């Protein structure tokens, strides 16, 4: 009989708790879920739960952090070992961040659902914002040296975040390759002027 390594047992136990909590959250709001329900659905006792978590919030935070680690890996993939990212050279197929969101569609749709009653939307925005600010330096000197780089970064970062969130909220209707290609095209695009839409007199 093979001896199971404790780390493997712990990992399987936690994976079971992760799966059970997400399943319960598809049925009811997080606030209404009890630890008793979690351990019963996972077929463990309360002692097993408390061996790993103090409260249900710790379990959910662990699930979120695990997903954010995967998101960060996908985010960094296109520029590993690079010092400069040239949007004219980088292939759109290297943008696998969208693949990460699609592969974990169930998780993101659930966590961003209004019925979840958890501040995941804010957490996701803050994490993506942190990633962009810590990993990239945006230069504006070629366009306008008087542009405030902090404001420019905020504009760029939250535009990309908004694009991702809208894609998720629209149920991933566009393909990941399309989204990657569009992201690169948008990042390269420069609009020196805009046009005012004509309004209907009846409006």
C-alpha atoms as a PDB file:
ATOM      1  CA  UNK A   1       0.000   0.000   0.000  1.00  0.00           C
ATOM      2  CA  UNK A   2       1.402   3.382  -0.971  1.00  0.00           C
ATOM      3  CA  UNK A   3       1.710   6.038   1.699  1.00  0.00           C
ATOM      4  CA  UNK A   4       0.051   9.331   0.775  1.00  0.00           C
ATOM      5  CA  UNK A   5       2.176  12.408   1.362  1.00  0.00           C
ATOM      6  CA  UNK A   6       0.497  14.771   3.861  1.00  0.00           C
ATOM      7  CA  UNK A   7       0.773  17.692   1.413  1.00  0.00           C
ATOM      8  CA  UNK A   8      -1.220  15.752  -1.170  1.00  0.00           C
ATOM      9  CA  UNK A   9      -3.914  14.947   1.376  1.00  0.00           C
ATOM     10  CA  UNK A  10      -4.094  18.586   2.421  1.00  0.00           C
ATOM     11  CA  UNK A  11      -4.283  19.708  -1.199  1.00  0.00           C
ATOM     12  CA  UNK A  12      -7.090  17.284  -1.992  1.00  0.00           C
ATOM     13  CA  UNK A  13      -8.982  18.321   1.154  1.00  0.00           C
ATOM     14  CA  UNK A  14      -8.698  21.992   0.247  1.00  0.00           C
ATOM     15  CA  UNK A  15      -9.679  21.340  -3.371  1.00  0.00           C
ATOM     16  CA  UNK A  16     -12.803  19.597  -2.112  1.00  0.00           C
ATOM     17  CA  UNK A  17     -13.668  22.561   0.133  1.00  0.00           C
ATOM     18  CA  UNK A  18     -13.061  24.917  -2.821  1.00  0.00           C
ATOM     19  CA  UNK A  19     -15.384  22.958  -5.110  1.00  0.00           C
ATOM     20  CA  UNK A  20     -18.095  22.658  -2.481  1.00  0.00           C
ATOM     21  CA  UNK A  21     -18.121  26.350  -1.595  1.00  0.00           C
ATOM     22  CA  UNK A  22     -18.346  27.438  -5.233  1.00  0.00           C
ATOM     23  CA  UNK A  23     -21.178  24.965  -5.807  1.00  0.00           C
ATOM     24  CA  UNK A  24     -23.063  26.301  -2.785  1.00  0.00           C
ATOM     25  CA  UNK A  25     -22.519  29.863  -3.997  1.00  0.00           C
ATOM     26  CA  UNK A  26     -24.274  28.938  -7.244  1.00  0.00           C
ATOM     27  CA  UNK A  27     -27.339  28.142  -5.152  1.00  0.00           C
ATOM     28  CA  UNK A  28     -27.337  30.964  -2.598  1.00  0.00           C
ATOM     29  CA  UNK A  29     -25.440  34.091  -1.550  1.00  0.00           C
ATOM     30  CA  UNK A  30     -22.163  33.686   0.297  1.00  0.00           C
ATOM     31  CA  UNK A  31     -23.617  35.436   3.347  1.00  0.00           C
ATOM     32  CA  UNK A  32     -26.278  32.734   3.683  1.00  0.00           C
ATOM     33  CA  UNK A  33     -23.872  29.786   3.524  1.00  0.00           C
ATOM     34  CA  UNK A  34     -22.904  28.186   6.844  1.00  0.00           C
ATOM     35  CA  UNK A  35     -19.801  26.209   7.777  1.00  0.00           C
ATOM     36  CA  UNK A  36     -22.109  23.308   8.691  1.00  0.00           C
ATOM     37  CA  UNK A  37     -23.392  23.258   5.093  1.00  0.00           C
ATOM     38  CA  UNK A  38     -19.862  23.365   3.727  1.00  0.00           C
ATOM     39  CA  UNK A  39     -18.534  20.437   5.801  1.00  0.00           C
ATOM     40  CA  UNK A  40     -21.669  18.372   5.197  1.00  0.00           C
ATOM     41  CA  UNK A  41     -21.474  18.841   1.415  1.00  0.00           C
ATOM     42  CA  UNK A  42     -17.731  18.093   1.477  1.00  0.00           C
ATOM     43  CA  UNK A  43     -18.327  14.994   3.648  1.00  0.00           C
ATOM     44  CA  UNK A  44     -15.861  16.182   6.275  1.00  0.00           C
ATOM     45  CA  UNK A  45     -16.307  17.087   9.927  1.00  0.00           C
ATOM     46  CA  UNK A  46     -16.005  20.562  11.412  1.00  0.00           C
ATOM     47  CA  UNK A  47     -12.628  19.671  12.884  1.00  0.00           C
ATOM     48  CA  UNK A  48     -11.231  19.166   9.383  1.00  0.00           C
ATOM     49  CA  UNK A  49     -12.524  22.571   8.334  1.00  0.00           C
ATOM     50  CA  UNK A  50     -11.066  24.349  11.357  1.00  0.00           C
ATOM     51  CA  UNK A  51      -7.734  22.603  10.829  1.00  0.00           C
ATOM     52  CA  UNK A  52      -7.352  24.746   7.710  1.00  0.00           C
ATOM     53  CA  UNK A  53      -9.589  27.806   8.156  1.00  0.00           C
ATOM     54  CA  UNK A  54     -10.869  29.957  10.987  1.00  0.00           C
ATOM     55  CA  UNK A  55     -13.972  31.057   9.103  1.00  0.00           C
ATOM     56  CA  UNK A  56     -15.656  30.643   5.723  1.00  0.00           C
ATOM     57  CA  UNK A  57     -14.213  33.979   4.567  1.00  0.00           C
ATOM     58  CA  UNK A  58     -10.711  32.474   4.822  1.00  0.00           C
ATOM     59  CA  UNK A  59     -11.763  29.669   2.494  1.00  0.00           C
ATOM     60  CA  UNK A  60     -13.167  32.069  -0.090  1.00  0.00           C
ATOM     61  CA  UNK A  61     -10.094  34.298   0.111  1.00  0.00           C
ATOM     62  CA  UNK A  62      -7.892  31.269  -0.530  1.00  0.00           C
ATOM     63  CA  UNK A  63      -9.937  30.362  -3.604  1.00  0.00           C
ATOM     64  CA  UNK A  64      -9.640  33.916  -4.912  1.00  0.00           C
ATOM     65  CA  UNK A  65      -5.889  34.117  -4.257  1.00  0.00           C
ATOM     66  CA  UNK A  66      -5.302  30.811  -6.044  1.00  0.00           C
ATOM     67  CA  UNK A  67      -7.201  32.137  -9.060  1.00  0.00           C
ATOM     68  CA  UNK A  68      -5.337  35.448  -8.990  1.00  0.00           C
ATOM     69  CA  UNK A  69      -2.016  33.567  -9.050  1.00  0.00           C
ATOM     70  CA  UNK A  70      -3.135  31.775 -12.213  1.00  0.00           C
ATOM     71  CA  UNK A  71      -4.316  35.100 -13.657  1.00  0.00           C
ATOM     72  CA  UNK A  72      -0.934  36.695 -12.943  1.00  0.00           C
ATOM     73  CA  UNK A  73       0.910  33.850 -14.671  1.00  0.00           C
ATOM     74  CA  UNK A  74      -1.285  34.234 -17.763  1.00  0.00           C
ATOM     75  CA  UNK A  75      -0.841  38.010 -17.678  1.00  0.00           C
ATOM     76  CA  UNK A  76       2.966  37.761 -17.606  1.00  0.00           C
ATOM     77  CA  UNK A  77       3.305  35.062 -20.233  1.00  0.00           C
ATOM     78  CA  UNK A  78       3.657  37.352 -23.325  1.00  0.00           C
ATOM     79  CA  UNK A  79       6.596  39.319 -21.955  1.00  0.00           C
ATOM     80  CA  UNK A  80       8.609  36.759 -19.983  1.00  0.00           C
ATOM     81  CA  UNK A  81      12.328  37.493 -20.520  1.00  0.00           C
ATOM     82  CA  UNK A  82      11.522  40.739 -22.378  1.00  0.00           C
ATOM     83  CA  UNK A  83      12.575  44.244 -21.356  1.00  0.00           C
ATOM     84  CA  UNK A  84      10.367  46.021 -23.901  1.00  0.00           C
ATOM     85  CA  UNK A  85       7.008  45.052 -25.384  1.00  0.00           C
ATOM     86  CA  UNK A  86       6.613  46.307 -28.944  1.00  0.00           C
ATOM     87  CA  UNK A  87       2.945  46.153 -29.921  1.00  0.00           C
ATOM     88  CA  UNK A  88       3.990  46.142 -33.572  1.00  0.00           C
ATOM     89  CA  UNK A  89       5.953  42.944 -33.042  1.00  0.00           C
ATOM     90  CA  UNK A  90       4.133  40.951 -30.368  1.00  0.00           C
ATOM     91  CA  UNK A  91       1.746  38.308 -31.797  1.00  0.00           C
ATOM     92  CA  UNK A  92      -1.821  38.478 -30.555  1.00  0.00           C
ATOM     93  CA  UNK A  93      -1.680  34.718 -29.934  1.00  0.00           C
ATOM     94  CA  UNK A  94       0.742  35.387 -27.072  1.00  0.00           C
ATOM     95  CA  UNK A  95      -1.972  37.274 -25.157  1.00  0.00           C
ATOM     96  CA  UNK A  96      -3.300  34.363 -23.100  1.00  0.00           C
ATOM     97  CA  UNK A  97      -4.916  36.447 -20.357  1.00  0.00           C
ATOM     98  CA  UNK A  98      -8.259  36.092 -22.123  1.00  0.00           C
ATOM     99  CA  UNK A  99      -7.744  32.321 -22.293  1.00  0.00           C
ATOM    100  CA  UNK A 100      -7.360  32.304 -18.514  1.00  0.00           C
ATOM    101  CA  UNK A 101     -10.691  34.045 -18.022  1.00  0.00           C
ATOM    102  CA  UNK A 102     -12.450  31.744 -20.480  1.00  0.00           C
ATOM    103  CA  UNK A 103     -10.943  28.596 -18.947  1.00  0.00           C
ATOM    104  CA  UNK A 104     -12.215  29.772 -15.561  1.00  0.00           C
ATOM    105  CA  UNK A 105     -15.517  31.077 -16.877  1.00  0.00           C
ATOM    106  CA  UNK A 106     -17.588  29.419 -14.157  1.00  0.00           C
ATOM    107  CA  UNK A 107     -15.566  31.068 -11.396  1.00  0.00           C
ATOM    108  CA  UNK A 108     -15.563  34.596 -12.848  1.00  0.00           C
ATOM    109  CA  UNK A 109     -19.232  34.577 -13.845  1.00  0.00           C
ATOM    110  CA  UNK A 110     -20.154  33.391 -10.372  1.00  0.00           C
ATOM    111  CA  UNK A 111     -17.938  35.826  -8.493  1.00  0.00           C
ATOM    112  CA  UNK A 112     -19.024  38.796 -10.596  1.00  0.00           C
ATOM    113  CA  UNK A 113     -22.714  37.926 -10.290  1.00  0.00           C
ATOM    114  CA  UNK A 114     -24.779  40.454  -8.271  1.00  0.00           C
ATOM    115  CA  UNK A 115     -26.276  37.618  -6.208  1.00  0.00           C
ATOM    116  CA  UNK A 116     -22.841  36.622  -4.897  1.00  0.00           C
ATOM    117  CA  UNK A 117     -22.897  39.649  -2.543  1.00  0.00           C
ATOM    118  CA  UNK A 118     -19.119  39.721  -2.220  1.00  0.00           C
ATOM    119  CA  UNK A 119     -16.727  42.492  -3.173  1.00  0.00           C
ATOM    120  CA  UNK A 120     -14.934  40.455  -5.849  1.00  0.00           C
ATOM    121  CA  UNK A 121     -15.476  43.100  -8.536  1.00  0.00           C
ATOM    122  CA  UNK A 122     -13.389  45.585  -6.528  1.00  0.00           C
ATOM    123  CA  UNK A 123     -10.783  42.935  -5.715  1.00  0.00           C
ATOM    124  CA  UNK A 124     -10.331  42.046  -9.382  1.00  0.00           C
ATOM    125  CA  UNK A 125      -9.989  45.688 -10.435  1.00  0.00           C
ATOM    126  CA  UNK A 126      -7.446  46.380  -7.678  1.00  0.00           C
ATOM    127  CA  UNK A 127      -5.399  43.291  -8.556  1.00  0.00           C
ATOM    128  CA  UNK A 128      -5.288  44.086 -12.272  1.00  0.00           C
ATOM    129  CA  UNK A 129      -4.505  47.728 -11.531  1.00  0.00           C
ATOM    130  CA  UNK A 130      -1.641  46.640  -9.248  1.00  0.00           C
ATOM    131  CA  UNK A 131      -0.285  44.297 -11.910  1.00  0.00           C
ATOM    132  CA  UNK A 132      -0.249  46.959 -14.616  1.00  0.00           C
ATOM    133  CA  UNK A 133       1.354  49.581 -12.401  1.00  0.00           C
ATOM    134  CA  UNK A 134       4.041  47.299 -10.997  1.00  0.00           C
ATOM    135  CA  UNK A 135       4.944  45.554 -14.243  1.00  0.00           C
ATOM    136  CA  UNK A 136       4.773  48.250 -16.945  1.00  0.00           C
ATOM    137  CA  UNK A 137       6.200  51.698 -17.574  1.00  0.00           C
ATOM    138  CA  UNK A 138       4.112  53.705 -20.041  1.00  0.00           C
ATOM    139  CA  UNK A 139       6.018  56.381 -21.963  1.00  0.00           C
ATOM    140  CA  UNK A 140       4.237  59.371 -23.465  1.00  0.00           C
ATOM    141  CA  UNK A 141       7.150  61.548 -24.516  1.00  0.00           C
ATOM    142  CA  UNK A 142       6.741  60.617 -28.181  1.00  0.00           C
ATOM    143  CA  UNK A 143       3.158  61.918 -28.160  1.00  0.00           C
ATOM    144  CA  UNK A 144       3.181  64.714 -25.614  1.00  0.00           C
ATOM    145  CA  UNK A 145       5.865  65.242 -22.935  1.00  0.00           C
ATOM    146  CA  UNK A 146       3.370  67.303 -20.914  1.00  0.00           C
ATOM    147  CA  UNK A 147       1.043  64.364 -20.276  1.00  0.00           C
ATOM    148  CA  UNK A 148       0.879  63.350 -16.616  1.00  0.00           C
ATOM    149  CA  UNK A 149       2.196  59.770 -16.706  1.00  0.00           C
ATOM    150  CA  UNK A 150       0.157  58.732 -13.649  1.00  0.00           C
ATOM    151  CA  UNK A 151      -3.079  59.940 -15.224  1.00  0.00           C
ATOM    152  CA  UNK A 152      -2.124  58.349 -18.536  1.00  0.00           C
ATOM    153  CA  UNK A 153      -1.437  55.028 -16.777  1.00  0.00           C
ATOM    154  CA  UNK A 154      -4.794  55.190 -15.009  1.00  0.00           C
ATOM    155  CA  UNK A 155      -6.537  55.894 -18.321  1.00  0.00           C
ATOM    156  CA  UNK A 156      -4.829  52.995 -20.077  1.00  0.00           C
ATOM    157  CA  UNK A 157      -5.133  50.519 -17.211  1.00  0.00           C
ATOM    158  CA  UNK A 158      -8.792  51.063 -16.473  1.00  0.00           C
ATOM    159  CA  UNK A 159      -9.639  51.045 -20.157  1.00  0.00           C
ATOM    160  CA  UNK A 160      -8.165  47.532 -20.425  1.00  0.00           C
ATOM    161  CA  UNK A 161      -9.880  46.420 -17.214  1.00  0.00           C
ATOM    162  CA  UNK A 162     -13.194  47.727 -18.524  1.00  0.00           C
ATOM    163  CA  UNK A 163     -12.675  45.819 -21.762  1.00  0.00           C
ATOM    164  CA  UNK A 164     -12.076  42.571 -19.838  1.00  0.00           C
ATOM    165  CA  UNK A 165     -15.047  43.071 -17.513  1.00  0.00           C
ATOM    166  CA  UNK A 166     -17.435  43.865 -20.363  1.00  0.00           C
ATOM    167  CA  UNK A 167     -16.253  40.755 -22.216  1.00  0.00           C
ATOM    168  CA  UNK A 168     -16.967  38.600 -19.156  1.00  0.00           C
ATOM    169  CA  UNK A 169     -20.325  40.272 -18.489  1.00  0.00           C
ATOM    170  CA  UNK A 170     -21.319  39.674 -22.134  1.00  0.00           C
ATOM    171  CA  UNK A 171     -20.694  35.958 -21.556  1.00  0.00           C
ATOM    172  CA  UNK A 172     -17.446  35.738 -23.564  1.00  0.00           C
ATOM    173  CA  UNK A 173     -19.236  36.188 -26.886  1.00  0.00           C
ATOM    174  CA  UNK A 174     -16.025  37.127 -28.719  1.00  0.00           C
ATOM    175  CA  UNK A 175     -13.223  34.573 -29.079  1.00  0.00           C
ATOM    176  CA  UNK A 176     -10.016  34.873 -27.034  1.00  0.00           C
ATOM    177  CA  UNK A 177      -7.973  35.334 -30.214  1.00  0.00           C
ATOM    178  CA  UNK A 178     -10.253  38.180 -31.294  1.00  0.00           C
ATOM    179  CA  UNK A 179      -9.941  39.862 -27.897  1.00  0.00           C
ATOM    180  CA  UNK A 180      -6.157  39.516 -27.897  1.00  0.00           C
ATOM    181  CA  UNK A 181      -5.927  40.991 -31.383  1.00  0.00           C
ATOM    182  CA  UNK A 182      -8.278  43.854 -30.492  1.00  0.00           C
ATOM    183  CA  UNK A 183      -6.345  44.650 -27.308  1.00  0.00           C
ATOM    184  CA  UNK A 184      -3.098  45.057 -29.241  1.00  0.00           C
ATOM    185  CA  UNK A 185      -4.785  47.165 -31.920  1.00  0.00           C
ATOM    186  CA  UNK A 186      -6.379  49.394 -29.254  1.00  0.00           C
ATOM    187  CA  UNK A 187      -3.070  49.847 -27.427  1.00  0.00           C
ATOM    188  CA  UNK A 188      -1.439  50.977 -30.694  1.00  0.00           C
ATOM    189  CA  UNK A 189      -4.277  53.258 -31.687  1.00  0.00           C
ATOM    190  CA  UNK A 190      -3.978  57.040 -31.425  1.00  0.00           C
ATOM    191  CA  UNK A 191      -7.006  59.335 -31.744  1.00  0.00           C
ATOM    192  CA  UNK A 192      -6.125  63.025 -32.198  1.00  0.00           C
ATOM    193  CA  UNK A 193      -9.776  63.978 -32.685  1.00  0.00           C
ATOM    194  CA  UNK A 194     -13.300  62.657 -32.128  1.00  0.00           C
ATOM    195  CA  UNK A 195     -16.604  63.315 -33.826  1.00  0.00           C
ATOM    196  CA  UNK A 196     -19.829  64.386 -32.143  1.00  0.00           C
ATOM    197  CA  UNK A 197     -22.812  62.142 -32.788  1.00  0.00           C
ATOM    198  CA  UNK A 198     -25.817  63.916 -34.268  1.00  0.00           C
ATOM    199  CA  UNK A 199     -28.780  63.790 -31.933  1.00  0.00           C
ATOM    200  CA  UNK A 200     -32.300  63.077 -33.040  1.00  0.00           C
ATOM    201  CA  UNK A 201     -34.516  66.124 -32.471  1.00  0.00           C
ATOM    202  CA  UNK A 202     -37.138  63.850 -30.915  1.00  0.00           C
ATOM    203  CA  UNK A 203     -34.808  62.747 -28.140  1.00  0.00           C
END
